[in-house]
Amino acid sequence: MDELRQKYIKNPPEGMTPKLVKDMTDSDLLDMHYFLTEDYDLDDDDGKKGSISTCSKSPSVFYALLRQNY
């Protein structure tokens, strides 16, 4: 966990600061890491496959939504 935290402290995601990363709980850190790295399929109405990396929202938006229990 410490290695992951240090990785994001040295290079925080867009919209975050090293202090925010440092103060995150382990659970929040893992959730953020999941959203930043996971490339899972998302089905749309046309049956086309996409990935989270093709979404127009930045990872920091996903993190903000996660923090608000969206």
N, C-alpha and C. Protein backbone atom coordinates (compact mmCIF):
# COMPACT_ATOMS: atom_id res chain seq x y z
N MET A 1 0.83 -1.18 0.00
CA MET A 1 0.00 0.00 0.00
C MET A 1 0.87 1.25 0.00
N ASP A 2 1.99 1.20 0.75
CA ASP A 2 2.87 2.36 0.82
C ASP A 2 3.47 2.71 -0.54
N GLU A 3 3.81 1.68 -1.31
CA GLU A 3 4.36 1.92 -2.65
C GLU A 3 3.35 2.62 -3.55
N LEU A 4 2.10 2.18 -3.49
CA LEU A 4 1.05 2.79 -4.29
C LEU A 4 0.82 4.24 -3.88
N ARG A 5 0.79 4.47 -2.58
CA ARG A 5 0.60 5.84 -2.08
C ARG A 5 1.75 6.75 -2.54
N GLN A 6 2.97 6.25 -2.44
CA GLN A 6 4.13 7.04 -2.86
C GLN A 6 4.08 7.34 -4.36
N LYS A 7 3.61 6.38 -5.14
CA LYS A 7 3.48 6.58 -6.58
C LYS A 7 2.56 7.77 -6.87
N TYR A 8 1.42 7.83 -6.19
CA TYR A 8 0.46 8.90 -6.45
C TYR A 8 0.84 10.21 -5.75
N ILE A 9 1.63 10.15 -4.69
CA ILE A 9 2.13 11.38 -4.07
C ILE A 9 3.13 12.04 -5.01
N LYS A 10 3.99 11.24 -5.61
CA LYS A 10 4.99 11.78 -6.54
C LYS A 10 4.37 12.28 -7.82
N ASN A 11 3.29 11.66 -8.25
CA ASN A 11 2.63 12.03 -9.50
C ASN A 11 1.12 11.97 -9.29
N PRO A 12 0.54 12.97 -8.61
CA PRO A 12 -0.89 12.91 -8.30
C PRO A 12 -1.75 13.03 -9.55
N PRO A 13 -2.92 12.40 -9.55
CA PRO A 13 -3.84 12.52 -10.68
C PRO A 13 -4.28 13.96 -10.87
N GLU A 14 -4.74 14.26 -12.06
CA GLU A 14 -5.23 15.60 -12.37
C GLU A 14 -6.29 16.03 -11.37
N GLY A 15 -6.15 17.24 -10.86
CA GLY A 15 -7.12 17.76 -9.92
C GLY A 15 -6.84 17.41 -8.47
N MET A 16 -5.75 16.70 -8.23
CA MET A 16 -5.41 16.32 -6.86
C MET A 16 -4.03 16.86 -6.51
N THR A 17 -3.76 16.93 -5.23
CA THR A 17 -2.45 17.37 -4.76
C THR A 17 -1.80 16.21 -4.00
N PRO A 18 -0.48 16.28 -3.83
CA PRO A 18 0.18 15.23 -3.04
C PRO A 18 -0.40 15.13 -1.62
N LYS A 19 -0.78 16.27 -1.03
CA LYS A 19 -1.35 16.24 0.32
C LYS A 19 -2.68 15.47 0.35
N LEU A 20 -3.52 15.67 -0.66
CA LEU A 20 -4.79 14.93 -0.71
C LEU A 20 -4.54 13.43 -0.78
N VAL A 21 -3.56 13.04 -1.60
CA VAL A 21 -3.23 11.62 -1.72
C VAL A 21 -2.69 11.09 -0.39
N LYS A 22 -1.83 11.87 0.24
CA LYS A 22 -1.24 11.45 1.52
C LYS A 22 -2.30 11.23 2.59
N ASP A 23 -3.34 12.07 2.59
CA ASP A 23 -4.38 12.01 3.61
C ASP A 23 -5.50 11.02 3.31
N MET A 24 -5.47 10.37 2.14
CA MET A 24 -6.53 9.42 1.77
C MET A 24 -6.45 8.16 2.62
N THR A 25 -7.59 7.57 2.87
CA THR A 25 -7.61 6.27 3.53
C THR A 25 -7.10 5.21 2.54
N ASP A 26 -6.68 4.08 3.05
CA ASP A 26 -6.24 2.99 2.18
C ASP A 26 -7.34 2.58 1.22
N SER A 27 -8.57 2.54 1.70
CA SER A 27 -9.70 2.15 0.87
C SER A 27 -9.91 3.15 -0.27
N ASP A 28 -9.86 4.44 0.05
CA ASP A 28 -10.02 5.46 -0.98
C ASP A 28 -8.88 5.40 -2.00
N LEU A 29 -7.69 5.14 -1.53
CA LEU A 29 -6.54 5.04 -2.42
C LEU A 29 -6.71 3.88 -3.40
N LEU A 30 -7.16 2.75 -2.89
CA LEU A 30 -7.39 1.59 -3.76
C LEU A 30 -8.51 1.86 -4.76
N ASP A 31 -9.56 2.52 -4.31
CA ASP A 31 -10.66 2.86 -5.22
C ASP A 31 -10.17 3.79 -6.32
N MET A 32 -9.40 4.80 -5.96
CA MET A 32 -8.88 5.73 -6.95
C MET A 32 -7.98 4.99 -7.94
N HIS A 33 -7.11 4.14 -7.42
CA HIS A 33 -6.22 3.37 -8.29
C HIS A 33 -7.02 2.51 -9.27
N TYR A 34 -8.08 1.91 -8.77
CA TYR A 34 -8.94 1.09 -9.63
C TYR A 34 -9.49 1.92 -10.79
N PHE A 35 -10.03 3.09 -10.48
CA PHE A 35 -10.62 3.93 -11.52
C PHE A 35 -9.57 4.47 -12.49
N LEU A 36 -8.36 4.65 -12.02
CA LEU A 36 -7.32 5.19 -12.89
C LEU A 36 -6.69 4.13 -13.77
N THR A 37 -6.74 2.87 -13.36
CA THR A 37 -6.01 1.84 -14.10
C THR A 37 -6.90 0.77 -14.73
N GLU A 38 -8.07 0.55 -14.21
CA GLU A 38 -8.91 -0.53 -14.71
C GLU A 38 -9.43 -0.20 -16.10
N ASP A 39 -9.32 -1.15 -16.99
CA ASP A 39 -9.78 -0.98 -18.37
C ASP A 39 -10.84 -2.06 -18.63
N TYR A 40 -12.03 -1.83 -18.09
CA TYR A 40 -13.08 -2.82 -18.24
C TYR A 40 -14.07 -2.37 -19.30
N ASP A 41 -14.80 -3.33 -19.83
CA ASP A 41 -15.75 -3.05 -20.89
C ASP A 41 -17.00 -2.39 -20.35
N LEU A 42 -17.46 -1.42 -21.09
CA LEU A 42 -18.72 -0.75 -20.79
C LEU A 42 -19.62 -0.92 -22.02
N ASP A 43 -20.77 -1.51 -21.85
CA ASP A 43 -21.70 -1.67 -22.96
C ASP A 43 -22.57 -0.44 -23.07
N ASP A 44 -22.71 0.08 -24.30
CA ASP A 44 -23.65 1.17 -24.50
C ASP A 44 -24.89 0.62 -25.18
N ASP A 45 -25.82 1.47 -25.53
CA ASP A 45 -27.08 1.03 -26.11
C ASP A 45 -26.91 0.32 -27.44
N ASP A 46 -25.85 0.64 -28.18
CA ASP A 46 -25.62 0.01 -29.48
C ASP A 46 -24.88 -1.32 -29.36
N GLY A 47 -24.56 -1.70 -28.14
CA GLY A 47 -23.82 -2.95 -27.95
C GLY A 47 -22.33 -2.79 -28.19
N LYS A 48 -21.89 -1.56 -28.43
CA LYS A 48 -20.47 -1.32 -28.65
C LYS A 48 -19.74 -1.37 -27.32
N LYS A 49 -18.51 -1.77 -27.40
CA LYS A 49 -17.69 -1.86 -26.20
C LYS A 49 -16.80 -0.63 -26.12
N GLY A 50 -16.59 -0.16 -24.91
CA GLY A 50 -15.70 0.97 -24.67
C GLY A 50 -14.92 0.69 -23.41
N SER A 51 -14.14 1.63 -23.01
CA SER A 51 -13.41 1.46 -21.76
C SER A 51 -13.45 2.76 -20.99
N ILE A 52 -13.12 2.65 -19.74
CA ILE A 52 -13.13 3.84 -18.90
C ILE A 52 -12.12 4.87 -19.42
N SER A 53 -11.08 4.40 -20.07
CA SER A 53 -10.07 5.32 -20.58
C SER A 53 -10.58 6.14 -21.76
N THR A 54 -11.69 5.72 -22.38
CA THR A 54 -12.24 6.49 -23.49
C THR A 54 -13.33 7.44 -23.04
N CYS A 55 -13.64 7.43 -21.76
CA CYS A 55 -14.66 8.31 -21.23
C CYS A 55 -14.17 9.74 -21.26
N SER A 56 -15.08 10.68 -21.52
CA SER A 56 -14.69 12.08 -21.62
C SER A 56 -14.40 12.70 -20.26
N LYS A 57 -14.82 12.08 -19.19
CA LYS A 57 -14.57 12.64 -17.86
C LYS A 57 -13.18 12.23 -17.39
N SER A 58 -12.52 13.13 -16.70
CA SER A 58 -11.19 12.83 -16.20
C SER A 58 -11.29 11.92 -14.97
N PRO A 59 -10.21 11.21 -14.67
CA PRO A 59 -10.24 10.33 -13.48
C PRO A 59 -10.58 11.08 -12.20
N SER A 60 -10.19 12.34 -12.13
CA SER A 60 -10.49 13.10 -10.91
C SER A 60 -11.98 13.29 -10.73
N VAL A 61 -12.74 13.33 -11.84
CA VAL A 61 -14.19 13.43 -11.75
C VAL A 61 -14.76 12.14 -11.16
N PHE A 62 -14.23 11.00 -11.59
CA PHE A 62 -14.68 9.73 -11.03
C PHE A 62 -14.38 9.67 -9.54
N TYR A 63 -13.20 10.15 -9.16
CA TYR A 63 -12.84 10.15 -7.75
C TYR A 63 -13.77 11.05 -6.95
N ALA A 64 -14.07 12.23 -7.49
CA ALA A 64 -14.98 13.15 -6.80
C ALA A 64 -16.35 12.51 -6.62
N LEU A 65 -16.84 11.84 -7.64
CA LEU A 65 -18.14 11.16 -7.54
C LEU A 65 -18.07 10.04 -6.51
N LEU A 66 -16.97 9.32 -6.49
CA LEU A 66 -16.78 8.25 -5.53
C LEU A 66 -16.80 8.80 -4.10
N ARG A 67 -16.12 9.92 -3.89
CA ARG A 67 -16.06 10.52 -2.55
C ARG A 67 -17.43 11.00 -2.09
N GLN A 68 -18.33 11.30 -3.04
CA GLN A 68 -19.66 11.77 -2.70
C GLN A 68 -20.64 10.60 -2.59
N ASN A 69 -20.12 9.37 -2.67
CA ASN A 69 -20.95 8.16 -2.62
C ASN A 69 -22.01 8.17 -3.71
N TYR A 70 -21.61 8.60 -4.91
CA TYR A 70 -22.52 8.69 -6.04
C TYR A 70 -22.86 7.34 -6.57
